[in-house]
PDB file of N, CA and C in Angstrom:
ATOM      1  N   UNK A   1     199.730 123.149  80.011  1.00  0.00           N
ATOM      2  CA  UNK A   1     199.908 122.304  78.850  1.00  0.00           C
ATOM      3  C   UNK A   1     201.361 121.843  78.805  1.00  0.00           C
ATOM      4  N   UNK A   2     201.552 120.582  78.490  1.00  0.00           N
ATOM      5  CA  UNK A   2     202.904 120.075  78.345  1.00  0.00           C
ATOM      6  C   UNK A   2     203.252 120.004  76.882  1.00  0.00           C
ATOM      7  N   UNK A   3     204.525 120.078  76.587  1.00  0.00           N
ATOM      8  CA  UNK A   3     204.961 119.991  75.202  1.00  0.00           C
ATOM      9  C   UNK A   3     204.691 121.270  74.443  1.00  0.00           C
ATOM     10  N   UNK A   4     204.713 121.155  73.145  1.00  0.00           N
ATOM     11  CA  UNK A   4     204.536 122.301  72.256  1.00  0.00           C
ATOM     12  C   UNK A   4     203.066 122.477  71.884  1.00  0.00           C
ATOM     13  N   UNK A   5     202.633 123.711  71.609  1.00  0.00           N
ATOM     14  CA  UNK A   5     201.224 123.940  71.272  1.00  0.00           C
ATOM     15  C   UNK A   5     200.873 123.562  69.830  1.00  0.00           C
ATOM     16  N   UNK A   6     201.860 123.274  69.005  1.00  0.00           N
ATOM     17  CA  UNK A   6     201.609 122.947  67.591  1.00  0.00           C
ATOM     18  C   UNK A   6     202.096 121.533  67.297  1.00  0.00           C
ATOM     19  N   UNK A   7     201.532 120.956  66.236  1.00  0.00           N
ATOM     20  CA  UNK A   7     201.931 119.607  65.821  1.00  0.00           C
ATOM     21  C   UNK A   7     201.920 119.548  64.297  1.00  0.00           C
ATOM     22  N   UNK A   8     202.831 118.824  63.741  1.00  0.00           N
ATOM     23  CA  UNK A   8     202.897 118.631  62.292  1.00  0.00           C
ATOM     24  C   UNK A   8     201.764 117.710  61.848  1.00  0.00           C
ATOM     25  N   UNK A   9     201.197 117.983  60.677  1.00  0.00           N
ATOM     26  CA  UNK A   9     200.083 117.166  60.191  1.00  0.00           C
ATOM     27  C   UNK A   9     200.476 115.706  60.026  1.00  0.00           C
ATOM     28  N   UNK A  10     201.716 115.425  59.670  1.00  0.00           N
ATOM     29  CA  UNK A  10     202.087 114.014  59.488  1.00  0.00           C
ATOM     30  C   UNK A  10     202.075 113.255  60.811  1.00  0.00           C
ATOM     31  N   UNK A  11     202.172 113.956  61.935  1.00  0.00           N
ATOM     32  CA  UNK A  11     202.062 113.282  63.235  1.00  0.00           C
ATOM     33  C   UNK A  11     200.609 113.068  63.635  1.00  0.00           C
ATOM     34  N   UNK A  12     199.695 113.884  63.102  1.00  0.00           N
ATOM     35  CA  UNK A  12     198.270 113.722  63.388  1.00  0.00           C
ATOM     36  C   UNK A  12     197.717 112.555  62.579  1.00  0.00           C
ATOM     37  N   UNK A  13     198.132 112.447  61.320  1.00  0.00           N
ATOM     38  CA  UNK A  13     197.654 111.367  60.455  1.00  0.00           C
ATOM     39  C   UNK A  13     198.067 110.024  61.057  1.00  0.00           C
ATOM     40  N   UNK A  14     197.098 109.134  61.169  1.00  0.00           N
ATOM     41  CA  UNK A  14     197.335 107.824  61.761  1.00  0.00           C
ATOM     42  C   UNK A  14     197.032 107.771  63.248  1.00  0.00           C
ATOM     43  N   UNK A  15     196.775 108.923  63.866  1.00  0.00           N
ATOM     44  CA  UNK A  15     196.462 108.942  65.292  1.00  0.00           C
ATOM     45  C   UNK A  15     195.092 108.311  65.530  1.00  0.00           C
ATOM     46  N   UNK A  16     194.983 107.435  66.524  1.00  0.00           N
ATOM     47  CA  UNK A  16     193.696 106.802  66.796  1.00  0.00           C
ATOM     48  C   UNK A  16     192.652 107.803  67.281  1.00  0.00           C
ATOM     49  N   UNK A  17     191.384 107.471  67.019  1.00  0.00           N
ATOM     50  CA  UNK A  17     190.243 108.265  67.469  1.00  0.00           C
ATOM     51  C   UNK A  17     189.316 107.340  68.248  1.00  0.00           C
ATOM     52  N   UNK A  18     188.886 107.823  69.412  1.00  0.00           N
ATOM     53  CA  UNK A  18     188.051 107.036  70.317  1.00  0.00           C
ATOM     54  C   UNK A  18     186.746 107.770  70.607  1.00  0.00           C
ATOM     55  N   UNK A  19     185.738 107.013  71.029  1.00  0.00           N
ATOM     56  CA  UNK A  19     184.522 107.651  71.538  1.00  0.00           C
ATOM     57  C   UNK A  19     184.725 107.882  73.038  1.00  0.00           C
ATOM     58  N   UNK A  20     183.799 108.563  73.713  1.00  0.00           N
ATOM     59  CA  UNK A  20     183.984 108.845  75.146  1.00  0.00           C
ATOM     60  C   UNK A  20     184.102 107.592  76.034  1.00  0.00           C
ATOM     61  N   UNK A  21     183.622 106.447  75.557  1.00  0.00           N
ATOM     62  CA  UNK A  21     183.750 105.201  76.321  1.00  0.00           C
ATOM     63  C   UNK A  21     185.116 104.551  76.175  1.00  0.00           C
ATOM     64  N   UNK A  22     185.968 105.134  75.311  1.00  0.00           N
ATOM     65  CA  UNK A  22     187.295 104.571  75.087  1.00  0.00           C
ATOM     66  C   UNK A  22     187.342 103.540  73.984  1.00  0.00           C
ATOM     67  N   UNK A  23     186.233 103.371  73.241  1.00  0.00           N
ATOM     68  CA  UNK A  23     186.212 102.432  72.115  1.00  0.00           C
ATOM     69  C   UNK A  23     186.862 103.089  70.910  1.00  0.00           C
ATOM     70  N   UNK A  24     187.784 102.386  70.281  1.00  0.00           N
ATOM     71  CA  UNK A  24     188.452 102.937  69.100  1.00  0.00           C
ATOM     72  C   UNK A  24     187.483 102.952  67.924  1.00  0.00           C
ATOM     73  N   UNK A  25     187.355 104.135  67.307  1.00  0.00           N
ATOM     74  CA  UNK A  25     186.491 104.288  66.131  1.00  0.00           C
ATOM     75  C   UNK A  25     187.266 104.142  64.834  1.00  0.00           C
ATOM     76  N   UNK A  26     188.510 104.537  64.851  1.00  0.00           N
ATOM     77  CA  UNK A  26     189.333 104.520  63.643  1.00  0.00           C
ATOM     78  C   UNK A  26     190.565 105.364  63.874  1.00  0.00           C
ATOM     79  N   UNK A  27     191.055 105.967  62.805  1.00  0.00           N
ATOM     80  CA  UNK A  27     192.233 106.824  62.920  1.00  0.00           C
ATOM     81  C   UNK A  27     192.123 107.982  61.926  1.00  0.00           C
ATOM     82  N   UNK A  28     192.893 109.022  62.191  1.00  0.00           N
ATOM     83  CA  UNK A  28     192.908 110.189  61.309  1.00  0.00           C
ATOM     84  C   UNK A  28     193.640 109.827  60.029  1.00  0.00           C
ATOM     85  N   UNK A  29     192.973 110.018  58.910  1.00  0.00           N
ATOM     86  CA  UNK A  29     193.581 109.744  57.612  1.00  0.00           C
ATOM     87  C   UNK A  29     194.168 111.008  57.001  1.00  0.00           C
ATOM     88  N   UNK A  30     193.501 112.134  57.237  1.00  0.00           N
ATOM     89  CA  UNK A  30     193.899 113.358  56.556  1.00  0.00           C
ATOM     90  C   UNK A  30     193.344 114.551  57.317  1.00  0.00           C
ATOM     91  N   UNK A  31     193.936 115.700  57.089  1.00  0.00           N
ATOM     92  CA  UNK A  31     193.410 116.957  57.614  1.00  0.00           C
ATOM     93  C   UNK A  31     193.002 117.827  56.444  1.00  0.00           C
ATOM     94  N   UNK A  32     191.911 118.562  56.607  1.00  0.00           N
ATOM     95  CA  UNK A  32     191.435 119.480  55.575  1.00  0.00           C
ATOM     96  C   UNK A  32     191.559 120.887  56.141  1.00  0.00           C
ATOM     97  N   UNK A  33     192.332 121.725  55.449  1.00  0.00           N
ATOM     98  CA  UNK A  33     192.671 123.064  55.932  1.00  0.00           C
ATOM     99  C   UNK A  33     192.003 124.115  55.062  1.00  0.00           C
ATOM    100  N   UNK A  34     191.392 125.102  55.705  1.00  0.00           N
ATOM    101  CA  UNK A  34     190.782 126.232  55.001  1.00  0.00           C
ATOM    102  C   UNK A  34     191.897 127.075  54.387  1.00  0.00           C
ATOM    103  N   UNK A  35     191.877 127.246  53.069  1.00  0.00           N
ATOM    104  CA  UNK A  35     192.939 127.986  52.377  1.00  0.00           C
ATOM    105  C   UNK A  35     192.972 129.450  52.754  1.00  0.00           C
ATOM    106  N   UNK A  36     191.830 130.029  53.075  1.00  0.00           N
ATOM    107  CA  UNK A  36     191.763 131.451  53.406  1.00  0.00           C
ATOM    108  C   UNK A  36     192.273 131.726  54.818  1.00  0.00           C
ATOM    109  N   UNK A  37     191.736 131.008  55.799  1.00  0.00           N
ATOM    110  CA  UNK A  37     192.064 131.293  57.207  1.00  0.00           C
ATOM    111  C   UNK A  37     193.275 130.522  57.705  1.00  0.00           C
ATOM    112  N   UNK A  38     193.568 129.391  57.069  1.00  0.00           N
ATOM    113  CA  UNK A  38     194.670 128.553  57.521  1.00  0.00           C
ATOM    114  C   UNK A  38     194.290 127.616  58.667  1.00  0.00           C
ATOM    115  N   UNK A  39     193.034 127.634  59.093  1.00  0.00           N
ATOM    116  CA  UNK A  39     192.588 126.777  60.182  1.00  0.00           C
ATOM    117  C   UNK A  39     192.186 125.399  59.668  1.00  0.00           C
ATOM    118  N   UNK A  40     192.378 124.399  60.510  1.00  0.00           N
ATOM    119  CA  UNK A  40     191.942 123.051  60.159  1.00  0.00           C
ATOM    120  C   UNK A  40     190.423 123.008  60.259  1.00  0.00           C
ATOM    121  N   UNK A  41     189.766 122.618  59.184  1.00  0.00           N
ATOM    122  CA  UNK A  41     188.304 122.507  59.163  1.00  0.00           C
ATOM    123  C   UNK A  41     187.847 121.125  59.603  1.00  0.00           C
ATOM    124  N   UNK A  42     188.513 120.099  59.042  1.00  0.00           N
ATOM    125  CA  UNK A  42     188.091 118.724  59.293  1.00  0.00           C
ATOM    126  C   UNK A  42     189.294 117.832  59.550  1.00  0.00           C
ATOM    127  N   UNK A  43     189.019 116.793  60.303  1.00  0.00           N
ATOM    128  CA  UNK A  43     189.909 115.644  60.363  1.00  0.00           C
ATOM    129  C   UNK A  43     189.130 114.524  59.689  1.00  0.00           C
ATOM    130  N   UNK A  44     189.690 113.933  58.663  1.00  0.00           N
ATOM    131  CA  UNK A  44     189.018 112.842  57.960  1.00  0.00           C
ATOM    132  C   UNK A  44     189.309 111.550  58.712  1.00  0.00           C
ATOM    133  N   UNK A  45     188.272 111.008  59.343  1.00  0.00           N
ATOM    134  CA  UNK A  45     188.389 109.775  60.112  1.00  0.00           C
ATOM    135  C   UNK A  45     188.261 108.583  59.182  1.00  0.00           C
ATOM    136  N   UNK A  46     189.217 107.675  59.246  1.00  0.00           N
ATOM    137  CA  UNK A  46     189.125 106.414  58.516  1.00  0.00           C
ATOM    138  C   UNK A  46     188.333 105.460  59.405  1.00  0.00           C
ATOM    139  N   UNK A  47     187.158 105.033  58.920  1.00  0.00           N
ATOM    140  CA  UNK A  47     186.236 104.252  59.740  1.00  0.00           C
ATOM    141  C   UNK A  47     185.544 103.210  58.885  1.00  0.00           C
ATOM    142  N   UNK A  48     185.230 102.075  59.505  1.00  0.00           N
ATOM    143  CA  UNK A  48     184.479 101.024  58.829  1.00  0.00           C
ATOM    144  C   UNK A  48     185.411 100.005  58.204  1.00  0.00           C
ATOM    145  N   UNK A  49     184.838  99.144  57.423  1.00  0.00           N
ATOM    146  CA  UNK A  49     185.626  98.121  56.749  1.00  0.00           C
ATOM    147  C   UNK A  49     186.175  97.085  57.710  1.00  0.00           C
ATOM    148  N   UNK A  50     187.141  96.328  57.215  1.00  0.00           N
ATOM    149  CA  UNK A  50     187.764  95.276  58.005  1.00  0.00           C
ATOM    150  C   UNK A  50     189.247  95.248  57.687  1.00  0.00           C
ATOM    151  N   UNK A  51     190.063  95.392  58.702  1.00  0.00           N
ATOM    152  CA  UNK A  51     191.525  95.405  58.552  1.00  0.00           C
ATOM    153  C   UNK A  51     191.987  96.429  57.512  1.00  0.00           C
ATOM    154  N   UNK A  52     191.343  97.577  57.507  1.00  0.00           N
ATOM    155  CA  UNK A  52     191.742  98.644  56.602  1.00  0.00           C
ATOM    156  C   UNK A  52     191.193  98.518  55.191  1.00  0.00           C
ATOM    157  N   UNK A  53     190.453  97.449  54.916  1.00  0.00           N
ATOM    158  CA  UNK A  53     189.878  97.247  53.585  1.00  0.00           C
ATOM    159  C   UNK A  53     188.415  97.681  53.630  1.00  0.00           C
ATOM    160  N   UNK A  54     188.026  98.500  52.676  1.00  0.00           N
ATOM    161  CA  UNK A  54     186.646  98.949  52.609  1.00  0.00           C
ATOM    162  C   UNK A  54     186.321 100.083  53.559  1.00  0.00           C
ATOM    163  N   UNK A  55     187.344 100.757  54.066  1.00  0.00           N
ATOM    164  CA  UNK A  55     187.085 101.880  54.971  1.00  0.00           C
ATOM    165  C   UNK A  55     186.729 103.127  54.179  1.00  0.00           C
ATOM    166  N   UNK A  56     185.854 103.928  54.740  1.00  0.00           N
ATOM    167  CA  UNK A  56     185.493 105.206  54.153  1.00  0.00           C
ATOM    168  C   UNK A  56     186.071 106.313  55.014  1.00  0.00           C
ATOM    169  N   UNK A  57     185.951 107.548  54.543  1.00  0.00           N
ATOM    170  CA  UNK A  57     186.451 108.717  55.263  1.00  0.00           C
ATOM    171  C   UNK A  57     185.255 109.532  55.754  1.00  0.00           C
ATOM    172  N   UNK A  58     185.297 109.903  57.011  1.00  0.00           N
ATOM    173  CA  UNK A  58     184.228 110.637  57.675  1.00  0.00           C
ATOM    174  C   UNK A  58     184.796 111.959  58.166  1.00  0.00           C
ATOM    175  N   UNK A  59     184.465 113.060  57.509  1.00  0.00           N
ATOM    176  CA  UNK A  59     184.989 114.348  57.957  1.00  0.00           C
ATOM    177  C   UNK A  59     184.355 114.754  59.283  1.00  0.00           C
ATOM    178  N   UNK A  60     185.203 114.996  60.265  1.00  0.00           N
ATOM    179  CA  UNK A  60     184.752 115.457  61.580  1.00  0.00           C
ATOM    180  C   UNK A  60     185.204 116.899  61.762  1.00  0.00           C
ATOM    181  N   UNK A  61     184.327 117.793  62.203  1.00  0.00           N
ATOM    182  CA  UNK A  61     184.761 119.150  62.495  1.00  0.00           C
ATOM    183  C   UNK A  61     185.925 119.096  63.490  1.00  0.00           C
ATOM    184  N   UNK A  62     187.004 119.760  63.151  1.00  0.00           N
ATOM    185  CA  UNK A  62     188.229 119.698  63.950  1.00  0.00           C
ATOM    186  C   UNK A  62     187.978 120.051  65.417  1.00  0.00           C
ATOM    187  N   UNK A  63     187.109 121.009  65.664  1.00  0.00           N
ATOM    188  CA  UNK A  63     186.853 121.453  67.033  1.00  0.00           C
ATOM    189  C   UNK A  63     186.176 120.386  67.891  1.00  0.00           C
ATOM    190  N   UNK A  64     185.692 119.320  67.283  1.00  0.00           N
ATOM    191  CA  UNK A  64     185.077 118.236  68.056  1.00  0.00           C
ATOM    192  C   UNK A  64     186.116 117.329  68.700  1.00  0.00           C
ATOM    193  N   UNK A  65     187.330 117.333  68.182  1.00  0.00           N
ATOM    194  CA  UNK A  65     188.347 116.420  68.662  1.00  0.00           C
ATOM    195  C   UNK A  65     189.070 116.994  69.873  1.00  0.00           C
ATOM    196  N   UNK A  66     189.244 116.162  70.875  1.00  0.00           N
ATOM    197  CA  UNK A  66     190.008 116.527  72.073  1.00  0.00           C
ATOM    198  C   UNK A  66     191.113 115.494  72.236  1.00  0.00           C
ATOM    199  N   UNK A  67     192.349 115.972  72.386  1.00  0.00           N
ATOM    200  CA  UNK A  67     193.455 115.030  72.538  1.00  0.00           C
ATOM    201  C   UNK A  67     193.497 114.508  73.968  1.00  0.00           C
ATOM    202  N   UNK A  68     193.603 113.192  74.113  1.00  0.00           N
ATOM    203  CA  UNK A  68     193.672 112.534  75.414  1.00  0.00           C
ATOM    204  C   UNK A  68     195.052 111.886  75.545  1.00  0.00           C
ATOM    205  N   UNK A  69     195.868 112.415  76.441  1.00  0.00           N
ATOM    206  CA  UNK A  69     197.235 111.906  76.581  1.00  0.00           C
ATOM    207  C   UNK A  69     197.253 110.471  77.094  1.00  0.00           C
ATOM    208  N   UNK A  70     196.276 110.091  77.919  1.00  0.00           N
ATOM    209  CA  UNK A  70     196.232 108.721  78.441  1.00  0.00           C
ATOM    210  C   UNK A  70     195.975 107.705  77.319  1.00  0.00           C
ATOM    211  N   UNK A  71     195.158 108.091  76.345  1.00  0.00           N
ATOM    212  CA  UNK A  71     194.865 107.214  75.206  1.00  0.00           C
ATOM    213  C   UNK A  71     195.872 107.390  74.076  1.00  0.00           C
ATOM    214  N   UNK A  72     196.624 108.488  74.125  1.00  0.00           N
ATOM    215  CA  UNK A  72     197.531 108.856  73.032  1.00  0.00           C
ATOM    216  C   UNK A  72     196.750 108.931  71.721  1.00  0.00           C
ATOM    217  N   UNK A  73     195.567 109.553  71.823  1.00  0.00           N
ATOM    218  CA  UNK A  73     194.706 109.689  70.664  1.00  0.00           C
ATOM    219  C   UNK A  73     193.644 110.738  70.922  1.00  0.00           C
ATOM    220  N   UNK A  74     192.798 110.943  69.927  1.00  0.00           N
ATOM    221  CA  UNK A  74     191.726 111.933  70.015  1.00  0.00           C
ATOM    222  C   UNK A  74     190.431 111.272  70.471  1.00  0.00           C
ATOM    223  N   UNK A  75     189.630 112.040  71.196  1.00  0.00           N
ATOM    224  CA  UNK A  75     188.312 111.582  71.626  1.00  0.00           C
ATOM    225  C   UNK A  75     187.280 112.491  70.985  1.00  0.00           C
ATOM    226  N   UNK A  76     186.224 111.884  70.440  1.00  0.00           N
ATOM    227  CA  UNK A  76     185.123 112.649  69.850  1.00  0.00           C
ATOM    228  C   UNK A  76     183.819 112.179  70.473  1.00  0.00           C
ATOM    229  N   UNK A  77     182.879 113.098  70.702  1.00  0.00           N
ATOM    230  CA  UNK A  77     181.600 112.724  71.296  1.00  0.00           C
ATOM    231  C   UNK A  77     180.648 112.137  70.249  1.00  0.00           C
ATOM    232  N   UNK A  78     181.052 111.022  69.662  1.00  0.00           N
ATOM    233  CA  UNK A  78     180.303 110.401  68.567  1.00  0.00           C
ATOM    234  C   UNK A  78     180.282 108.895  68.791  1.00  0.00           C
ATOM    235  N   UNK A  79     179.137 108.290  68.552  1.00  0.00           N
ATOM    236  CA  UNK A  79     179.033 106.835  68.657  1.00  0.00           C
ATOM    237  C   UNK A  79     179.232 106.198  67.279  1.00  0.00           C
ATOM    238  N   UNK A  80     179.461 104.909  67.285  1.00  0.00           N
ATOM    239  CA  UNK A  80     179.579 104.169  66.020  1.00  0.00           C
ATOM    240  C   UNK A  80     178.287 104.295  65.209  1.00  0.00           C
ATOM    241  N   UNK A  81     177.151 104.284  65.913  1.00  0.00           N
ATOM    242  CA  UNK A  81     175.862 104.383  65.232  1.00  0.00           C
ATOM    243  C   UNK A  81     175.717 105.743  64.545  1.00  0.00           C
ATOM    244  N   UNK A  82     176.181 106.816  65.191  1.00  0.00           N
ATOM    245  CA  UNK A  82     176.143 108.138  64.554  1.00  0.00           C
ATOM    246  C   UNK A  82     177.019 108.157  63.309  1.00  0.00           C
ATOM    247  N   UNK A  83     178.182 107.525  63.384  1.00  0.00           N
ATOM    248  CA  UNK A  83     179.073 107.502  62.223  1.00  0.00           C
ATOM    249  C   UNK A  83     178.469 106.727  61.059  1.00  0.00           C
ATOM    250  N   UNK A  84     177.713 105.681  61.373  1.00  0.00           N
ATOM    251  CA  UNK A  84     177.091 104.896  60.304  1.00  0.00           C
ATOM    252  C   UNK A  84     176.224 105.759  59.395  1.00  0.00           C
ATOM    253  N   UNK A  85     175.606 106.806  59.949  1.00  0.00           N
ATOM    254  CA  UNK A  85     174.714 107.677  59.186  1.00  0.00           C
ATOM    255  C   UNK A  85     175.356 109.006  58.788  1.00  0.00           C
ATOM    256  N   UNK A  86     176.579 109.226  59.188  1.00  0.00           N
ATOM    257  CA  UNK A  86     177.255 110.516  58.985  1.00  0.00           C
ATOM    258  C   UNK A  86     177.691 110.711  57.536  1.00  0.00           C
ATOM    259  N   UNK A  87     177.872 111.973  57.129  1.00  0.00           N
ATOM    260  CA  UNK A  87     178.445 112.243  55.801  1.00  0.00           C
ATOM    261  C   UNK A  87     179.810 111.559  55.687  1.00  0.00           C
ATOM    262  N   UNK A  88     180.020 110.892  54.561  1.00  0.00           N
ATOM    263  CA  UNK A  88     181.298 110.205  54.340  1.00  0.00           C
ATOM    264  C   UNK A  88     181.537 110.027  52.847  1.00  0.00           C
ATOM    265  N   UNK A  89     182.731 109.564  52.533  1.00  0.00           N
ATOM    266  CA  UNK A  89     183.104 109.346  51.139  1.00  0.00           C
ATOM    267  C   UNK A  89     184.153 108.251  51.056  1.00  0.00           C
ATOM    268  N   UNK A  90     184.253 107.653  49.886  1.00  0.00           N
ATOM    269  CA  UNK A  90     185.293 106.659  49.635  1.00  0.00           C
ATOM    270  C   UNK A  90     186.608 107.386  49.406  1.00  0.00           C
ATOM    271  N   UNK A  91     187.736 106.769  49.745  1.00  0.00           N
ATOM    272  CA  UNK A  91     189.027 107.437  49.568  1.00  0.00           C
ATOM    273  C   UNK A  91     189.296 107.890  48.128  1.00  0.00           C
ATOM    274  N   UNK A  92     188.738 107.175  47.168  1.00  0.00           N
ATOM    275  CA  UNK A  92     188.971 107.523  45.765  1.00  0.00           C
ATOM    276  C   UNK A  92     187.999 108.592  45.265  1.00  0.00           C
ATOM    277  N   UNK A  93     187.072 109.034  46.120  1.00  0.00           N
ATOM    278  CA  UNK A  93     186.045 109.988  45.693  1.00  0.00           C
ATOM    279  C   UNK A  93     185.984 111.183  46.644  1.00  0.00           C
ATOM    280  N   UNK A  94     187.109 111.791  46.911  1.00  0.00           N
ATOM    281  CA  UNK A  94     187.157 112.929  47.825  1.00  0.00           C
ATOM    282  C   UNK A  94     186.204 114.022  47.341  1.00  0.00           C
ATOM    283  N   UNK A  95     185.353 114.526  48.237  1.00  0.00           N
ATOM    284  CA  UNK A  95     184.384 115.551  47.833  1.00  0.00           C
ATOM    285  C   UNK A  95     185.042 116.917  47.654  1.00  0.00           C
ATOM    286  N   UNK A  96     184.301 117.814  47.036  1.00  0.00           N
ATOM    287  CA  UNK A  96     184.729 119.204  47.002  1.00  0.00           C
ATOM    288  C   UNK A  96     184.320 119.798  48.338  1.00  0.00           C
ATOM    289  N   UNK A  97     185.266 120.319  49.067  1.00  0.00           N
ATOM    290  CA  UNK A  97     184.972 120.866  50.397  1.00  0.00           C
ATOM    291  C   UNK A  97     184.458 122.292  50.277  1.00  0.00           C
ATOM    292  N   UNK A  98     183.266 122.417  49.721  1.00  0.00           N
ATOM    293  CA  UNK A  98     182.628 123.723  49.573  1.00  0.00           C
ATOM    294  C   UNK A  98     181.986 124.136  50.901  1.00  0.00           C
ATOM    295  N   UNK A  99     181.549 125.396  50.987  1.00  0.00           N
ATOM    296  CA  UNK A  99     180.840 125.838  52.179  1.00  0.00           C
ATOM    297  C   UNK A  99     179.553 125.041  52.366  1.00  0.00           C
ATOM    298  N   UNK A 100     178.873 124.724  51.272  1.00  0.00           N
ATOM    299  CA  UNK A 100     177.632 123.943  51.355  1.00  0.00           C
ATOM    300  C   UNK A 100     177.912 122.566  51.972  1.00  0.00           C
ATOM    301  N   UNK A 101     178.980 121.912  51.512  1.00  0.00           N
ATOM    302  CA  UNK A 101     179.353 120.613  52.060  1.00  0.00           C
ATOM    303  C   UNK A 101     179.707 120.765  53.542  1.00  0.00           C
ATOM    304  N   UNK A 102     180.452 121.802  53.869  1.00  0.00           N
ATOM    305  CA  UNK A 102     180.851 122.042  55.253  1.00  0.00           C
ATOM    306  C   UNK A 102     179.663 122.220  56.173  1.00  0.00           C
ATOM    307  N   UNK A 103     178.683 122.986  55.730  1.00  0.00           N
ATOM    308  CA  UNK A 103     177.486 123.196  56.543  1.00  0.00           C
ATOM    309  C   UNK A 103     176.753 121.875  56.789  1.00  0.00           C
ATOM    310  N   UNK A 104     176.708 121.028  55.763  1.00  0.00           N
ATOM    311  CA  UNK A 104     176.060 119.724  55.892  1.00  0.00           C
ATOM    312  C   UNK A 104     176.764 118.891  56.972  1.00  0.00           C
ATOM    313  N   UNK A 105     178.076 118.857  56.943  1.00  0.00           N
ATOM    314  CA  UNK A 105     178.847 118.091  57.922  1.00  0.00           C
ATOM    315  C   UNK A 105     178.670 118.680  59.319  1.00  0.00           C
ATOM    316  N   UNK A 106     178.861 119.985  59.440  1.00  0.00           N
ATOM    317  CA  UNK A 106     178.757 120.633  60.744  1.00  0.00           C
ATOM    318  C   UNK A 106     177.341 120.501  61.306  1.00  0.00           C
ATOM    319  N   UNK A 107     176.316 120.655  60.459  1.00  0.00           N
ATOM    320  CA  UNK A 107     174.935 120.506  60.905  1.00  0.00           C
ATOM    321  C   UNK A 107     174.667 119.084  61.420  1.00  0.00           C
ATOM    322  N   UNK A 108     175.223 118.100  60.737  1.00  0.00           N
ATOM    323  CA  UNK A 108     174.998 116.724  61.158  1.00  0.00           C
ATOM    324  C   UNK A 108     175.466 116.512  62.594  1.00  0.00           C
ATOM    325  N   UNK A 109     176.603 117.100  62.937  1.00  0.00           N
ATOM    326  CA  UNK A 109     177.160 116.918  64.280  1.00  0.00           C
ATOM    327  C   UNK A 109     176.671 117.980  65.270  1.00  0.00           C
ATOM    328  N   UNK A 110     175.836 118.906  64.813  1.00  0.00           N
ATOM    329  CA  UNK A 110     175.319 119.934  65.703  1.00  0.00           C
ATOM    330  C   UNK A 110     176.350 120.969  66.108  1.00  0.00           C
ATOM    331  N   UNK A 111     177.311 121.212  65.203  1.00  0.00           N
ATOM    332  CA  UNK A 111     178.378 122.173  65.455  1.00  0.00           C
ATOM    333  C   UNK A 111     178.118 123.399  64.587  1.00  0.00           C
ATOM    334  N   UNK A 112     178.309 124.582  65.148  1.00  0.00           N
ATOM    335  CA  UNK A 112     178.097 125.827  64.383  1.00  0.00           C
ATOM    336  C   UNK A 112     179.149 125.951  63.291  1.00  0.00           C
ATOM    337  N   UNK A 113     178.675 126.220  62.068  1.00  0.00           N
ATOM    338  CA  UNK A 113     179.562 126.434  60.917  1.00  0.00           C
ATOM    339  C   UNK A 113     180.385 127.691  61.160  1.00  0.00           C
ATOM    340  N   UNK A 114     181.642 127.605  60.849  1.00  0.00           N
ATOM    341  CA  UNK A 114     182.564 128.726  61.090  1.00  0.00           C
ATOM    342  C   UNK A 114     182.628 129.651  59.912  1.00  0.00           C
TER     343      UNK A 114
END
């Protein structure tokens, strides 16, 4: 591994997110951290809309993201069509990140709830 193993959240926010084909899906808007364990649970992907207007937030399980140095961004095994149906919220209506909500998000992506 090159560089440092840790990164500040403000450097993650705004980082582009791509699908495996290299198509840009959006960018990281926010990170959601478990208060008990201190681990990042979700990266809130800003997706949809046009020129940043009308975009919603799509919580992605953090473990789904892989950093790609060639793209200088994260890659997730998700298509645009999957995101269209994925759990999401408007920026002004942030959900309560309960365990029930977490299971719903993780189940949608086929990831084991932590």
